[in-house]
Amino acid sequence: MDLSVPVTDDVKLHFRHRPGTESPTFLLVHGMASSAQLWDEVAGELAAAGHPVYAVDLRGHGESDSPQDGYDTPTAVADLVAACASLGLKRVVVAGHSWGGNISVRFAAENPELVAALALVDGGWLEPSAAFTSWEAFVAALRPGALDGATVDSISAYFRTIHPDWSPAAIEAAVATMRIHPDGSLSQRMTLDQHMSILRSIWNEPPAPWYPSIDVPTLLMLAIPKGALPPLADRIRTRVTNITAPLRNATLREYADSEHDLHAQRPHQVAADLLELARRSDGVGEN
């Protein structure tokens, strides 16, 4: 079910909603330049277990409105708070991927009455100033690529090559993160300025200062890259556990031989772990 939810006088967010009768409700937050659709397989399993699910398209992403400004973590949090008020959501299990994890951390810290549990899907600990030598190096790594000449067919084939274990639905969702034109060509949904605004927010506003304000059950869902030798895996693990140490009620779950988009690559495992997290929460939800 598609929902259009006003969050300001001139901005509406699109949600992919699956109804349910069990508590708690799940709120799924995608990362930069992604969309709610990439959560579909996870959302389907959560809904099959009876839980209501709301997967959001953040502003400028998916089917949501694309205003000129507001592409930063604080605005994304404010949009989610307004959407929860419009939808009547309280005590949700919020799961955020990548930048969506950073957003979810601040959302949980500033609005404890809205959150029953928190899942950080290979994100929520993004602190690029500690990983890159400079802002310029960070931008060089994350600047969006040109899509000149790209088509649905060519990008679909490319994604199938680099993501051989993704389902056809996940490949389709990945292509849909871009704007598809009637002739089958593709373009970026966000302008370069909007994309850069998100990057600047990620650089300037790491989530760590918000950790001490969070005491709900928190699941750290960490991707260990395929082929990572034990020393590299240990460095990744140590970095994340050190950064997130102030989270008082956190559990680490590692996914070996995995990609950053865990929810697209391993939806069954991700859904199972989110359902277990829901059982760890207080179980009091309002749909």
C-alpha atoms as a PDB file:
ATOM      1  CA  MET A   1       0.000   0.000   0.000  1.00  0.00           C
ATOM      2  CA  ASP A   2       1.386   3.412  -0.997  1.00  0.00           C
ATOM      3  CA  LEU A   3       0.919   6.314   1.406  1.00  0.00           C
ATOM      4  CA  SER A   4       1.642  10.008   0.877  1.00  0.00           C
ATOM      5  CA  VAL A   5       2.254  11.696   4.226  1.00  0.00           C
ATOM      6  CA  PRO A   6       2.631  15.483   4.709  1.00  0.00           C
ATOM      7  CA  VAL A   7       5.629  16.444   6.850  1.00  0.00           C
ATOM      8  CA  THR A   8       5.733  20.191   6.127  1.00  0.00           C
ATOM      9  CA  ASP A   9       3.367  22.590   4.408  1.00  0.00           C
ATOM     10  CA  ASP A  10       4.956  21.808   1.050  1.00  0.00           C
ATOM     11  CA  VAL A  11       6.622  18.385   1.408  1.00  0.00           C
ATOM     12  CA  LYS A  12       5.056  14.930   1.428  1.00  0.00           C
ATOM     13  CA  LEU A  13       6.926  11.691   2.019  1.00  0.00           C
ATOM     14  CA  HIS A  14       6.019   8.454   0.291  1.00  0.00           C
ATOM     15  CA  PHE A  15       5.747   5.260   2.376  1.00  0.00           C
ATOM     16  CA  ARG A  16       5.458   1.645   1.292  1.00  0.00           C
ATOM     17  CA  HIS A  17       3.113   0.285   3.965  1.00  0.00           C
ATOM     18  CA  ARG A  18       2.193  -3.274   4.860  1.00  0.00           C
ATOM     19  CA  PRO A  19      -0.551  -3.666   7.466  1.00  0.00           C
ATOM     20  CA  GLY A  20      -0.434  -5.965  10.469  1.00  0.00           C
ATOM     21  CA  THR A  21      -1.960  -6.544  13.878  1.00  0.00           C
ATOM     22  CA  GLU A  22       1.057  -7.509  15.972  1.00  0.00           C
ATOM     23  CA  SER A  23       3.170  -5.124  18.049  1.00  0.00           C
ATOM     24  CA  PRO A  24       5.570  -3.508  17.536  1.00  0.00           C
ATOM     25  CA  THR A  25       5.427  -1.644  14.254  1.00  0.00           C
ATOM     26  CA  PHE A  26       8.553  -1.403  12.085  1.00  0.00           C
ATOM     27  CA  LEU A  27       9.842   1.819  10.542  1.00  0.00           C
ATOM     28  CA  LEU A  28      12.469   1.178   7.840  1.00  0.00           C
ATOM     29  CA  VAL A  29      14.834   3.973   6.759  1.00  0.00           C
ATOM     30  CA  HIS A  30      17.019   3.678   3.655  1.00  0.00           C
ATOM     31  CA  GLY A  31      20.422   5.233   3.035  1.00  0.00           C
ATOM     32  CA  MET A  32      21.641   7.998   0.739  1.00  0.00           C
ATOM     33  CA  ALA A  33      20.541   7.671  -2.903  1.00  0.00           C
ATOM     34  CA  SER A  34      18.499   4.556  -2.101  1.00  0.00           C
ATOM     35  CA  SER A  35      14.762   4.073  -1.561  1.00  0.00           C
ATOM     36  CA  ALA A  36      12.060   2.288   0.397  1.00  0.00           C
ATOM     37  CA  GLN A  37      11.699  -0.318  -2.353  1.00  0.00           C
ATOM     38  CA  LEU A  38      15.038  -1.901  -1.488  1.00  0.00           C
ATOM     39  CA  TRP A  39      13.459  -2.961   1.831  1.00  0.00           C
ATOM     40  CA  ASP A  40      10.615  -4.865   0.113  1.00  0.00           C
ATOM     41  CA  GLU A  41      11.786  -8.407   0.783  1.00  0.00           C
ATOM     42  CA  VAL A  42      12.572  -7.660   4.428  1.00  0.00           C
ATOM     43  CA  ALA A  43       9.262  -5.841   4.824  1.00  0.00           C
ATOM     44  CA  GLY A  44       7.394  -8.786   3.344  1.00  0.00           C
ATOM     45  CA  GLU A  45       8.779 -11.156   5.954  1.00  0.00           C
ATOM     46  CA  LEU A  46       8.090  -8.757   8.815  1.00  0.00           C
ATOM     47  CA  ALA A  47       4.509  -8.350   7.614  1.00  0.00           C
ATOM     48  CA  ALA A  48       4.146 -12.111   7.182  1.00  0.00           C
ATOM     49  CA  ALA A  49       4.919 -12.372  10.909  1.00  0.00           C
ATOM     50  CA  GLY A  50       1.984 -10.027  11.559  1.00  0.00           C
ATOM     51  CA  HIS A  51       3.772  -6.705  12.069  1.00  0.00           C
ATOM     52  CA  PRO A  52       2.808  -3.407  10.437  1.00  0.00           C
ATOM     53  CA  VAL A  53       5.679  -2.038   8.360  1.00  0.00           C
ATOM     54  CA  TYR A  54       6.317   1.483   7.094  1.00  0.00           C
ATOM     55  CA  ALA A  55       9.269   1.909   4.708  1.00  0.00           C
ATOM     56  CA  VAL A  56       9.955   5.562   3.983  1.00  0.00           C
ATOM     57  CA  ASP A  57      11.270   7.346   0.926  1.00  0.00           C
ATOM     58  CA  LEU A  58      13.236  10.247   2.411  1.00  0.00           C
ATOM     59  CA  ARG A  59      12.820  13.615   0.720  1.00  0.00           C
ATOM     60  CA  GLY A  60      14.358  13.651  -2.729  1.00  0.00           C
ATOM     61  CA  HIS A  61      14.366   9.845  -2.850  1.00  0.00           C
ATOM     62  CA  GLY A  62      11.985   7.329  -4.387  1.00  0.00           C
ATOM     63  CA  GLU A  63       8.474   8.710  -4.809  1.00  0.00           C
ATOM     64  CA  SER A  64       8.733  11.439  -2.163  1.00  0.00           C
ATOM     65  CA  ASP A  65       8.707  15.143  -2.937  1.00  0.00           C
ATOM     66  CA  SER A  66      11.995  16.758  -3.926  1.00  0.00           C
ATOM     67  CA  PRO A  67      12.181  20.275  -2.506  1.00  0.00           C
ATOM     68  CA  GLN A  68      15.231  22.376  -3.205  1.00  0.00           C
ATOM     69  CA  ASP A  69      16.665  22.086   0.310  1.00  0.00           C
ATOM     70  CA  GLY A  70      16.495  20.026   3.504  1.00  0.00           C
ATOM     71  CA  TYR A  71      19.063  17.377   2.556  1.00  0.00           C
ATOM     72  CA  ASP A  72      20.706  16.794   5.917  1.00  0.00           C
ATOM     73  CA  THR A  73      20.357  14.574   8.964  1.00  0.00           C
ATOM     74  CA  PRO A  74      18.433  16.997  11.243  1.00  0.00           C
ATOM     75  CA  THR A  75      15.826  17.668   8.551  1.00  0.00           C
ATOM     76  CA  ALA A  76      15.461  13.959   7.801  1.00  0.00           C
ATOM     77  CA  VAL A  77      14.829  13.354  11.509  1.00  0.00           C
ATOM     78  CA  ALA A  78      12.272  16.165  11.660  1.00  0.00           C
ATOM     79  CA  ASP A  79      10.520  14.695   8.610  1.00  0.00           C
ATOM     80  CA  LEU A  80      10.284  11.288  10.308  1.00  0.00           C
ATOM     81  CA  VAL A  81       8.925  12.821  13.519  1.00  0.00           C
ATOM     82  CA  ALA A  82       6.260  14.683  11.550  1.00  0.00           C
ATOM     83  CA  ALA A  83       5.388  11.533   9.592  1.00  0.00           C
ATOM     84  CA  CYS A  84       5.022   9.507  12.786  1.00  0.00           C
ATOM     85  CA  ALA A  85       2.661  12.156  14.153  1.00  0.00           C
ATOM     86  CA  SER A  86       0.575  12.066  10.971  1.00  0.00           C
ATOM     87  CA  LEU A  87       0.479   8.267  10.976  1.00  0.00           C
ATOM     88  CA  GLY A  88      -0.080   7.930  14.720  1.00  0.00           C
ATOM     89  CA  LEU A  89       3.039   5.809  15.202  1.00  0.00           C
ATOM     90  CA  LYS A  90       4.622   5.300  18.617  1.00  0.00           C
ATOM     91  CA  ARG A  91       7.072   2.779  20.069  1.00  0.00           C
ATOM     92  CA  VAL A  92       8.311   1.577  16.702  1.00  0.00           C
ATOM     93  CA  VAL A  93      11.288  -0.631  15.930  1.00  0.00           C
ATOM     94  CA  VAL A  94      13.281   1.653  13.673  1.00  0.00           C
ATOM     95  CA  ALA A  95      15.847   0.130  11.323  1.00  0.00           C
ATOM     96  CA  GLY A  96      18.198   2.387   9.411  1.00  0.00           C
ATOM     97  CA  HIS A  97      20.681   1.446   6.710  1.00  0.00           C
ATOM     98  CA  SER A  98      23.927   3.389   6.155  1.00  0.00           C
ATOM     99  CA  TRP A  99      23.084   7.132   6.366  1.00  0.00           C
ATOM    100  CA  GLY A 100      19.622   5.982   7.398  1.00  0.00           C
ATOM    101  CA  GLY A 101      21.343   4.461  10.439  1.00  0.00           C
ATOM    102  CA  ASN A 102      22.790   7.858  11.356  1.00  0.00           C
ATOM    103  CA  ILE A 103      19.322   9.360  10.949  1.00  0.00           C
ATOM    104  CA  SER A 104      17.785   6.601  13.090  1.00  0.00           C
ATOM    105  CA  VAL A 105      20.309   7.160  15.892  1.00  0.00           C
ATOM    106  CA  ARG A 106      19.413  10.824  16.190  1.00  0.00           C
ATOM    107  CA  PHE A 107      15.706  10.042  15.772  1.00  0.00           C
ATOM    108  CA  ALA A 108      15.864   7.587  18.686  1.00  0.00           C
ATOM    109  CA  ALA A 109      17.946   9.899  20.888  1.00  0.00           C
ATOM    110  CA  GLU A 110      15.733  12.945  20.409  1.00  0.00           C
ATOM    111  CA  ASN A 111      12.409  11.098  20.482  1.00  0.00           C
ATOM    112  CA  PRO A 112      12.637   8.226  22.980  1.00  0.00           C
ATOM    113  CA  GLU A 113       8.853   8.049  23.255  1.00  0.00           C
ATOM    114  CA  LEU A 114       8.686   6.972  19.610  1.00  0.00           C
ATOM    115  CA  VAL A 115      11.235   4.158  19.661  1.00  0.00           C
ATOM    116  CA  ALA A 116      11.004   0.689  21.220  1.00  0.00           C
ATOM    117  CA  ALA A 117      14.198  -0.683  19.653  1.00  0.00           C
ATOM    118  CA  LEU A 118      16.856   0.360  17.168  1.00  0.00           C
ATOM    119  CA  ALA A 119      18.577  -1.586  14.378  1.00  0.00           C
ATOM    120  CA  LEU A 120      21.620  -0.145  12.625  1.00  0.00           C
ATOM    121  CA  VAL A 121      22.171  -1.901   9.306  1.00  0.00           C
ATOM    122  CA  ASP A 122      25.820  -1.375   8.381  1.00  0.00           C
ATOM    123  CA  GLY A 123      25.449   2.254   9.383  1.00  0.00           C
ATOM    124  CA  GLY A 124      24.620   4.458  12.308  1.00  0.00           C
ATOM    125  CA  TRP A 125      28.326   4.730  13.040  1.00  0.00           C
ATOM    126  CA  LEU A 126      29.360   6.659   9.921  1.00  0.00           C
ATOM    127  CA  GLU A 127      32.158   9.002  10.914  1.00  0.00           C
ATOM    128  CA  PRO A 128      34.024   9.750   7.672  1.00  0.00           C
ATOM    129  CA  SER A 129      36.417  12.275   9.224  1.00  0.00           C
ATOM    130  CA  ALA A 130      37.992   9.319  11.044  1.00  0.00           C
ATOM    131  CA  ALA A 131      38.236   7.196   7.883  1.00  0.00           C
ATOM    132  CA  PHE A 132      39.277   9.770   5.274  1.00  0.00           C
ATOM    133  CA  THR A 133      42.220  12.137   5.324  1.00  0.00           C
ATOM    134  CA  SER A 134      40.121  15.102   4.204  1.00  0.00           C
ATOM    135  CA  TRP A 135      36.689  16.285   3.100  1.00  0.00           C
ATOM    136  CA  GLU A 136      37.982  16.261  -0.481  1.00  0.00           C
ATOM    137  CA  ALA A 137      38.989  12.602  -0.222  1.00  0.00           C
ATOM    138  CA  PHE A 138      35.575  11.716   1.183  1.00  0.00           C
ATOM    139  CA  VAL A 139      33.766  13.532  -1.626  1.00  0.00           C
ATOM    140  CA  ALA A 140      35.964  11.891  -4.244  1.00  0.00           C
ATOM    141  CA  ALA A 141      34.922   8.477  -2.930  1.00  0.00           C
ATOM    142  CA  LEU A 142      31.191   9.208  -2.587  1.00  0.00           C
ATOM    143  CA  ARG A 143      30.474  11.672  -5.397  1.00  0.00           C
ATOM    144  CA  PRO A 144      27.702  10.239  -7.628  1.00  0.00           C
ATOM    145  CA  GLY A 145      28.792   8.904 -10.976  1.00  0.00           C
ATOM    146  CA  ALA A 146      27.501  10.106 -14.327  1.00  0.00           C
ATOM    147  CA  LEU A 147      24.725   8.078 -15.942  1.00  0.00           C
ATOM    148  CA  ASP A 148      25.282   9.267 -19.506  1.00  0.00           C
ATOM    149  CA  GLY A 149      23.992   6.572 -21.851  1.00  0.00           C
ATOM    150  CA  ALA A 150      22.809   4.310 -19.034  1.00  0.00           C
ATOM    151  CA  THR A 151      19.593   2.401 -19.577  1.00  0.00           C
ATOM    152  CA  VAL A 152      17.421   0.131 -17.483  1.00  0.00           C
ATOM    153  CA  ASP A 153      18.768  -2.872 -19.374  1.00  0.00           C
ATOM    154  CA  SER A 154      22.442  -1.914 -19.090  1.00  0.00           C
ATOM    155  CA  ILE A 155      22.301  -1.023 -15.398  1.00  0.00           C
ATOM    156  CA  SER A 156      20.236  -4.124 -14.601  1.00  0.00           C
ATOM    157  CA  ALA A 157      22.877  -6.284 -16.296  1.00  0.00           C
ATOM    158  CA  TYR A 158      25.632  -4.458 -14.423  1.00  0.00           C
ATOM    159  CA  PHE A 159      23.916  -4.962 -11.066  1.00  0.00           C
ATOM    160  CA  ARG A 160      23.366  -8.663 -11.791  1.00  0.00           C
ATOM    161  CA  THR A 161      27.103  -8.965 -12.434  1.00  0.00           C
ATOM    162  CA  ILE A 162      28.283  -7.221  -9.277  1.00  0.00           C
ATOM    163  CA  HIS A 163      25.475  -8.606  -7.077  1.00  0.00           C
ATOM    164  CA  PRO A 164      25.142 -12.227  -8.245  1.00  0.00           C
ATOM    165  CA  ASP A 165      23.279 -13.340  -5.126  1.00  0.00           C
ATOM    166  CA  TRP A 166      20.660 -10.568  -5.188  1.00  0.00           C
ATOM    167  CA  SER A 167      17.135 -11.556  -6.144  1.00  0.00           C
ATOM    168  CA  PRO A 168      15.436 -10.151  -9.278  1.00  0.00           C
ATOM    169  CA  ALA A 169      13.284  -8.005  -6.952  1.00  0.00           C
ATOM    170  CA  ALA A 170      16.373  -6.509  -5.328  1.00  0.00           C
ATOM    171  CA  ILE A 171      17.954  -5.779  -8.725  1.00  0.00           C
ATOM    172  CA  GLU A 172      14.743  -4.083  -9.844  1.00  0.00           C
ATOM    173  CA  ALA A 173      14.669  -2.034  -6.646  1.00  0.00           C
ATOM    174  CA  ALA A 174      18.278  -0.956  -7.107  1.00  0.00           C
ATOM    175  CA  VAL A 175      17.525   0.272 -10.633  1.00  0.00           C
ATOM    176  CA  ALA A 176      14.442   2.088  -9.324  1.00  0.00           C
ATOM    177  CA  THR A 177      16.608   4.213  -7.017  1.00  0.00           C
ATOM    178  CA  MET A 178      17.312   6.168 -10.219  1.00  0.00           C
ATOM    179  CA  ARG A 179      14.811   8.127 -12.289  1.00  0.00           C
ATOM    180  CA  ILE A 180      13.543   5.994 -15.183  1.00  0.00           C
ATOM    181  CA  HIS A 181      12.487   7.897 -18.308  1.00  0.00           C
ATOM    182  CA  PRO A 182       9.954   6.686 -20.899  1.00  0.00           C
ATOM    183  CA  ASP A 183      12.724   5.779 -23.353  1.00  0.00           C
ATOM    184  CA  GLY A 184      14.386   3.533 -20.757  1.00  0.00           C
ATOM    185  CA  SER A 185      17.226   5.930 -19.995  1.00  0.00           C
ATOM    186  CA  LEU A 186      18.218   6.756 -16.430  1.00  0.00           C
ATOM    187  CA  SER A 187      19.215   9.828 -14.460  1.00  0.00           C
ATOM    188  CA  GLN A 188      19.985  10.610 -10.830  1.00  0.00           C
ATOM    189  CA  ARG A 189      16.966  11.559  -8.726  1.00  0.00           C
ATOM    190  CA  MET A 190      18.820  14.145  -6.669  1.00  0.00           C
ATOM    191  CA  THR A 191      20.765  17.098  -8.014  1.00  0.00           C
ATOM    192  CA  LEU A 192      24.485  17.192  -7.356  1.00  0.00           C
ATOM    193  CA  ASP A 193      23.961  20.023  -4.842  1.00  0.00           C
ATOM    194  CA  GLN A 194      21.409  17.939  -2.919  1.00  0.00           C
ATOM    195  CA  HIS A 195      23.706  14.920  -2.896  1.00  0.00           C
ATOM    196  CA  MET A 196      26.611  17.050  -1.703  1.00  0.00           C
ATOM    197  CA  SER A 197      24.435  18.531   1.047  1.00  0.00           C
ATOM    198  CA  ILE A 198      23.845  15.029   2.445  1.00  0.00           C
ATOM    199  CA  LEU A 199      27.563  14.267   2.267  1.00  0.00           C
ATOM    200  CA  ARG A 200      28.357  17.492   4.126  1.00  0.00           C
ATOM    201  CA  SER A 201      25.834  16.569   6.821  1.00  0.00           C
ATOM    202  CA  ILE A 202      27.357  13.095   7.193  1.00  0.00           C
ATOM    203  CA  TRP A 203      30.805  14.697   7.504  1.00  0.00           C
ATOM    204  CA  ASN A 204      29.774  17.394   9.986  1.00  0.00           C
ATOM    205  CA  GLU A 205      27.263  15.455  12.105  1.00  0.00           C
ATOM    206  CA  PRO A 206      28.523  12.028  13.198  1.00  0.00           C
ATOM    207  CA  PRO A 207      26.033  10.052  15.304  1.00  0.00           C
ATOM    208  CA  ALA A 208      28.323   9.271  18.263  1.00  0.00           C
ATOM    209  CA  PRO A 209      27.249  12.275  20.396  1.00  0.00           C
ATOM    210  CA  TRP A 210      23.722  10.891  20.439  1.00  0.00           C
ATOM    211  CA  TYR A 211      24.608   7.387  21.691  1.00  0.00           C
ATOM    212  CA  PRO A 212      24.506   8.172  25.444  1.00  0.00           C
ATOM    213  CA  SER A 213      20.857   9.250  25.123  1.00  0.00           C
ATOM    214  CA  ILE A 214      19.779   5.836  23.770  1.00  0.00           C
ATOM    215  CA  ASP A 215      18.918   2.984  26.118  1.00  0.00           C
ATOM    216  CA  VAL A 216      16.509   0.869  24.036  1.00  0.00           C
ATOM    217  CA  PRO A 217      17.674  -2.522  22.731  1.00  0.00           C
ATOM    218  CA  THR A 218      19.977  -1.817  19.791  1.00  0.00           C
ATOM    219  CA  LEU A 219      21.184  -4.272  17.170  1.00  0.00           C
ATOM    220  CA  LEU A 220      24.413  -3.469  15.329  1.00  0.00           C
ATOM    221  CA  MET A 221      24.220  -5.322  12.006  1.00  0.00           C
ATOM    222  CA  LEU A 222      27.749  -5.356  10.644  1.00  0.00           C
ATOM    223  CA  ALA A 223      28.740  -6.435   7.131  1.00  0.00           C
ATOM    224  CA  ILE A 224      32.095  -8.199   6.905  1.00  0.00           C
ATOM    225  CA  PRO A 225      33.182  -8.060   3.236  1.00  0.00           C
ATOM    226  CA  LYS A 226      33.558 -11.219   1.228  1.00  0.00           C
ATOM    227  CA  GLY A 227      37.107 -12.498   1.324  1.00  0.00           C
ATOM    228  CA  ALA A 228      38.063 -10.352   4.290  1.00  0.00           C
ATOM    229  CA  LEU A 229      40.961 -12.031   6.069  1.00  0.00           C
ATOM    230  CA  PRO A 230      40.802 -12.258   9.886  1.00  0.00           C
ATOM    231  CA  PRO A 231      43.018  -9.173  10.452  1.00  0.00           C
ATOM    232  CA  LEU A 232      40.750  -6.979   8.287  1.00  0.00           C
ATOM    233  CA  ALA A 233      37.580  -8.399   9.814  1.00  0.00           C
ATOM    234  CA  ASP A 234      39.007  -7.747  13.257  1.00  0.00           C
ATOM    235  CA  ARG A 235      39.843  -4.132  12.355  1.00  0.00           C
ATOM    236  CA  ILE A 236      36.304  -3.558  11.074  1.00  0.00           C
ATOM    237  CA  ARG A 237      34.810  -5.147  14.179  1.00  0.00           C
ATOM    238  CA  THR A 238      37.068  -3.229  16.555  1.00  0.00           C
ATOM    239  CA  ARG A 239      36.401   0.110  14.867  1.00  0.00           C
ATOM    240  CA  VAL A 240      32.638  -0.301  15.099  1.00  0.00           C
ATOM    241  CA  THR A 241      32.624  -1.610  18.670  1.00  0.00           C
ATOM    242  CA  ASN A 242      34.868   1.243  19.782  1.00  0.00           C
ATOM    243  CA  ILE A 243      32.732   3.909  18.110  1.00  0.00           C
ATOM    244  CA  THR A 244      29.466   2.477  19.452  1.00  0.00           C
ATOM    245  CA  ALA A 245      30.721   1.691  22.971  1.00  0.00           C
ATOM    246  CA  PRO A 246      28.490   4.381  24.565  1.00  0.00           C
ATOM    247  CA  LEU A 247      25.376   2.509  23.395  1.00  0.00           C
ATOM    248  CA  ARG A 248      24.403   0.865  26.684  1.00  0.00           C
ATOM    249  CA  ASN A 249      22.079  -1.849  25.374  1.00  0.00           C
ATOM    250  CA  ALA A 250      23.709  -2.888  22.098  1.00  0.00           C
ATOM    251  CA  THR A 251      24.310  -6.309  20.571  1.00  0.00           C
ATOM    252  CA  LEU A 252      26.625  -6.928  17.630  1.00  0.00           C
ATOM    253  CA  ARG A 253      25.515  -9.236  14.812  1.00  0.00           C
ATOM    254  CA  GLU A 254      28.093  -9.967  12.114  1.00  0.00           C
ATOM    255  CA  TYR A 255      27.274 -10.996   8.548  1.00  0.00           C
ATOM    256  CA  ALA A 256      30.270 -12.735   6.991  1.00  0.00           C
ATOM    257  CA  ASP A 257      30.943 -12.459   3.247  1.00  0.00           C
ATOM    258  CA  SER A 258      28.429  -9.657   2.944  1.00  0.00           C
ATOM    259  CA  GLU A 259      27.878  -6.377   1.144  1.00  0.00           C
ATOM    260  CA  HIS A 260      26.961  -2.953   2.495  1.00  0.00           C
ATOM    261  CA  ASP A 261      23.338  -3.396   1.331  1.00  0.00           C
ATOM    262  CA  LEU A 262      22.621  -6.230   3.740  1.00  0.00           C
ATOM    263  CA  HIS A 263      18.857  -5.821   3.447  1.00  0.00           C
ATOM    264  CA  ALA A 264      19.056  -6.391  -0.315  1.00  0.00           C
ATOM    265  CA  GLN A 265      21.615  -9.203  -0.236  1.00  0.00           C
ATOM    266  CA  ARG A 266      20.431 -11.126   2.829  1.00  0.00           C
ATOM    267  CA  PRO A 267      16.785 -10.170   3.419  1.00  0.00           C
ATOM    268  CA  HIS A 268      15.853 -13.428   5.182  1.00  0.00           C
ATOM    269  CA  GLN A 269      18.624 -13.093   7.770  1.00  0.00           C
ATOM    270  CA  VAL A 270      17.970  -9.388   8.251  1.00  0.00           C
ATOM    271  CA  ALA A 271      14.239  -9.964   8.746  1.00  0.00           C
ATOM    272  CA  ALA A 272      14.863 -12.794  11.212  1.00  0.00           C
ATOM    273  CA  ASP A 273      17.211 -10.618  13.244  1.00  0.00           C
ATOM    274  CA  LEU A 274      14.771  -7.706  13.232  1.00  0.00           C
ATOM    275  CA  LEU A 275      12.004  -9.995  14.488  1.00  0.00           C
ATOM    276  CA  GLU A 276      14.280 -11.186  17.281  1.00  0.00           C
ATOM    277  CA  LEU A 277      15.034  -7.555  18.150  1.00  0.00           C
ATOM    278  CA  ALA A 278      11.314  -6.876  18.293  1.00  0.00           C
ATOM    279  CA  ARG A 279      10.955  -9.674  20.821  1.00  0.00           C
ATOM    280  CA  ARG A 280      13.699  -8.011  22.889  1.00  0.00           C
ATOM    281  CA  SER A 281      11.819  -4.709  22.896  1.00  0.00           C
ATOM    282  CA  ASP A 282       9.117  -3.973  25.429  1.00  0.00           C
ATOM    283  CA  GLY A 283       6.505  -5.107  22.925  1.00  0.00           C
ATOM    284  CA  VAL A 284       4.209  -2.174  23.554  1.00  0.00           C
ATOM    285  CA  GLY A 285       3.337  -0.723  20.169  1.00  0.00           C
ATOM    286  CA  GLU A 286       0.638   1.527  18.865  1.00  0.00           C
ATOM    287  CA  ASN A 287      -0.229   1.116  15.186  1.00  0.00           C
END
